[in-house]
Structure formats: structure tokens, C-alpha cells
Amino acid sequence: MALAGDRLTNFPDSECTGLSDDIGWQWQSWEGLPYLTCSLLSRWSHGFFTRDFSPRGP
């Protein structure tokens, strides 16, 4: 992982424990803010927000 100022800029993929090998977590970025998506939910628009989004709503 690399830091640019106080922001993470490179997010390695994480694995879902106990699930199929083709399911994984991906870090995404929107307006410079990180959030997680999961390939299991790829058919739907989704994201798991981080505290960096606070106090913004979805």
C-alpha cells in the first residue's frame, strides 16, 4: 500500500475466507475516497463506504 499525504492510493485485493476462489473484494475510489465492492454482488450497484465518506451520505 502507498500513501499520498494521508490517503491510501493503492489497495491490494483481499480474499473472502471460506468462499469460492472467484469471489473477492475490490477497493474502488470515488472522488478520491475509498470504498469496497464484492464480486459476489457485481450484478448490482453497491459499495461499502469507509469512514472517509463521513459525514456524507450515500
N, C-alpha and C. Protein backbone atom coordinates (compact mmCIF):
# COMPACT_ATOMS: atom_id res chain seq x y z
N MET A 1 0.84 -1.18 0.00
CA MET A 1 0.00 0.00 0.00
C MET A 1 0.88 1.24 0.00
N ALA A 2 0.47 2.25 -0.71
CA ALA A 2 1.21 3.50 -0.75
C ALA A 2 0.37 4.61 -0.15
N LEU A 3 1.05 5.58 0.40
CA LEU A 3 0.35 6.73 0.98
C LEU A 3 0.67 7.98 0.18
N ALA A 4 -0.33 8.77 -0.11
CA ALA A 4 -0.16 10.08 -0.74
C ALA A 4 -0.75 11.07 0.24
N GLY A 5 0.09 11.78 0.96
CA GLY A 5 -0.42 12.60 2.05
C GLY A 5 -0.95 11.66 3.11
N ASP A 6 -2.21 11.78 3.44
CA ASP A 6 -2.81 10.86 4.42
C ASP A 6 -3.80 9.91 3.75
N ARG A 7 -3.78 9.82 2.43
CA ARG A 7 -4.71 8.96 1.69
C ARG A 7 -4.01 7.72 1.17
N LEU A 8 -4.67 6.58 1.26
CA LEU A 8 -4.18 5.37 0.64
C LEU A 8 -4.44 5.46 -0.85
N THR A 9 -3.45 5.11 -1.67
CA THR A 9 -3.63 5.24 -3.11
C THR A 9 -3.59 3.92 -3.86
N ASN A 10 -3.10 2.86 -3.24
CA ASN A 10 -3.01 1.57 -3.89
C ASN A 10 -3.55 0.52 -2.94
N PHE A 11 -4.64 -0.12 -3.30
CA PHE A 11 -5.28 -1.07 -2.41
C PHE A 11 -5.12 -2.48 -2.96
N PRO A 12 -4.43 -3.37 -2.23
CA PRO A 12 -4.35 -4.76 -2.70
C PRO A 12 -5.70 -5.45 -2.54
N ASP A 13 -5.95 -6.43 -3.39
CA ASP A 13 -7.19 -7.21 -3.28
C ASP A 13 -7.16 -8.05 -2.01
N SER A 14 -8.30 -8.23 -1.42
CA SER A 14 -8.45 -9.11 -0.27
C SER A 14 -9.26 -10.32 -0.72
N GLU A 15 -9.16 -11.38 0.02
CA GLU A 15 -9.91 -12.59 -0.31
C GLU A 15 -11.02 -12.81 0.70
N CYS A 16 -12.14 -13.35 0.25
CA CYS A 16 -13.23 -13.73 1.14
C CYS A 16 -12.91 -15.11 1.69
N THR A 17 -12.77 -15.24 2.97
CA THR A 17 -12.42 -16.51 3.59
C THR A 17 -13.59 -17.49 3.53
N GLY A 18 -13.31 -18.71 3.12
CA GLY A 18 -14.31 -19.76 3.12
C GLY A 18 -15.26 -19.73 1.93
N LEU A 19 -15.03 -18.87 0.97
CA LEU A 19 -15.90 -18.78 -0.20
C LEU A 19 -15.15 -19.23 -1.44
N SER A 20 -15.85 -19.37 -2.53
CA SER A 20 -15.28 -19.78 -3.80
C SER A 20 -14.11 -18.87 -4.20
N ASP A 21 -13.15 -19.43 -4.94
CA ASP A 21 -11.97 -18.67 -5.35
C ASP A 21 -12.30 -17.51 -6.28
N ASP A 22 -13.45 -17.55 -6.96
CA ASP A 22 -13.79 -16.49 -7.89
C ASP A 22 -14.53 -15.32 -7.22
N ILE A 23 -14.68 -15.36 -5.91
CA ILE A 23 -15.32 -14.27 -5.18
C ILE A 23 -14.24 -13.48 -4.45
N GLY A 24 -14.24 -12.17 -4.63
CA GLY A 24 -13.23 -11.36 -3.97
C GLY A 24 -13.71 -9.94 -3.71
N TRP A 25 -12.94 -9.27 -2.89
CA TRP A 25 -13.20 -7.87 -2.55
C TRP A 25 -12.29 -6.99 -3.38
N GLN A 26 -12.81 -5.86 -3.81
CA GLN A 26 -12.04 -4.90 -4.60
C GLN A 26 -12.16 -3.52 -3.98
N TRP A 27 -11.04 -2.83 -3.82
CA TRP A 27 -11.08 -1.43 -3.40
C TRP A 27 -11.36 -0.58 -4.62
N GLN A 28 -12.28 0.34 -4.51
CA GLN A 28 -12.63 1.28 -5.56
C GLN A 28 -12.39 2.68 -5.02
N SER A 29 -12.47 3.67 -5.89
CA SER A 29 -12.29 5.05 -5.46
C SER A 29 -13.31 5.92 -6.16
N TRP A 30 -13.92 6.84 -5.42
CA TRP A 30 -14.86 7.82 -5.98
C TRP A 30 -14.48 9.17 -5.40
N GLU A 31 -14.16 10.10 -6.28
CA GLU A 31 -13.72 11.43 -5.87
C GLU A 31 -12.60 11.34 -4.83
N GLY A 32 -11.71 10.38 -5.03
CA GLY A 32 -10.56 10.21 -4.14
C GLY A 32 -10.85 9.51 -2.83
N LEU A 33 -12.09 9.02 -2.64
CA LEU A 33 -12.47 8.36 -1.40
C LEU A 33 -12.61 6.85 -1.62
N PRO A 34 -12.00 6.02 -0.76
CA PRO A 34 -12.04 4.57 -0.96
C PRO A 34 -13.33 3.93 -0.46
N TYR A 35 -13.78 2.90 -1.18
CA TYR A 35 -14.90 2.07 -0.74
C TYR A 35 -14.70 0.66 -1.28
N LEU A 36 -15.36 -0.31 -0.68
CA LEU A 36 -15.22 -1.71 -1.07
C LEU A 36 -16.39 -2.19 -1.91
N THR A 37 -16.11 -3.06 -2.87
CA THR A 37 -17.14 -3.79 -3.59
C THR A 37 -16.78 -5.28 -3.52
N CYS A 38 -17.77 -6.13 -3.71
CA CYS A 38 -17.54 -7.57 -3.68
C CYS A 38 -18.05 -8.18 -4.99
N SER A 39 -17.25 -9.06 -5.58
CA SER A 39 -17.64 -9.67 -6.85
C SER A 39 -18.93 -10.48 -6.74
N LEU A 40 -19.23 -10.98 -5.56
CA LEU A 40 -20.47 -11.72 -5.34
C LEU A 40 -21.70 -10.86 -5.64
N LEU A 41 -21.57 -9.55 -5.45
CA LEU A 41 -22.69 -8.61 -5.66
C LEU A 41 -22.54 -7.81 -6.96
N SER A 42 -21.68 -8.26 -7.86
CA SER A 42 -21.36 -7.48 -9.06
C SER A 42 -22.55 -7.20 -9.97
N ARG A 43 -23.62 -7.96 -9.85
CA ARG A 43 -24.82 -7.73 -10.68
C ARG A 43 -25.58 -6.49 -10.24
N TRP A 44 -25.30 -6.00 -9.05
CA TRP A 44 -26.00 -4.84 -8.50
C TRP A 44 -25.02 -3.71 -8.21
N SER A 45 -25.50 -2.50 -8.35
CA SER A 45 -24.70 -1.34 -7.95
C SER A 45 -24.60 -1.35 -6.43
N HIS A 46 -23.39 -1.41 -5.91
CA HIS A 46 -23.22 -1.49 -4.46
C HIS A 46 -21.85 -0.94 -4.06
N GLY A 47 -21.69 -0.70 -2.81
CA GLY A 47 -20.41 -0.28 -2.25
C GLY A 47 -20.52 -0.21 -0.74
N PHE A 48 -19.43 -0.53 -0.08
CA PHE A 48 -19.37 -0.45 1.37
C PHE A 48 -18.46 0.72 1.70
N PHE A 49 -19.07 1.77 2.21
CA PHE A 49 -18.35 3.02 2.43
C PHE A 49 -17.40 2.93 3.61
N THR A 50 -16.32 3.69 3.53
CA THR A 50 -15.36 3.79 4.62
C THR A 50 -15.63 5.06 5.41
N ARG A 51 -14.97 5.20 6.55
CA ARG A 51 -15.18 6.38 7.39
C ARG A 51 -14.76 7.67 6.68
N ASP A 52 -13.95 7.57 5.61
CA ASP A 52 -13.56 8.77 4.86
C ASP A 52 -14.76 9.47 4.25
N PHE A 53 -15.86 8.76 4.03
CA PHE A 53 -17.07 9.36 3.47
C PHE A 53 -17.85 10.17 4.49
N SER A 54 -17.62 9.94 5.76
CA SER A 54 -18.35 10.63 6.82
C SER A 54 -18.03 12.12 6.81
N PRO A 55 -18.98 12.99 6.93
CA PRO A 55 -20.39 12.79 7.23
C PRO A 55 -21.27 12.71 5.99
N ARG A 56 -20.71 12.51 4.81
CA ARG A 56 -21.51 12.39 3.58
C ARG A 56 -22.40 11.16 3.64
N GLY A 57 -23.54 11.24 3.01
CA GLY A 57 -24.41 10.08 2.87
C GLY A 57 -24.16 9.41 1.53
N PRO A 58 -24.74 8.24 1.31
CA PRO A 58 -24.58 7.55 0.02
C PRO A 58 -25.28 8.29 -1.11
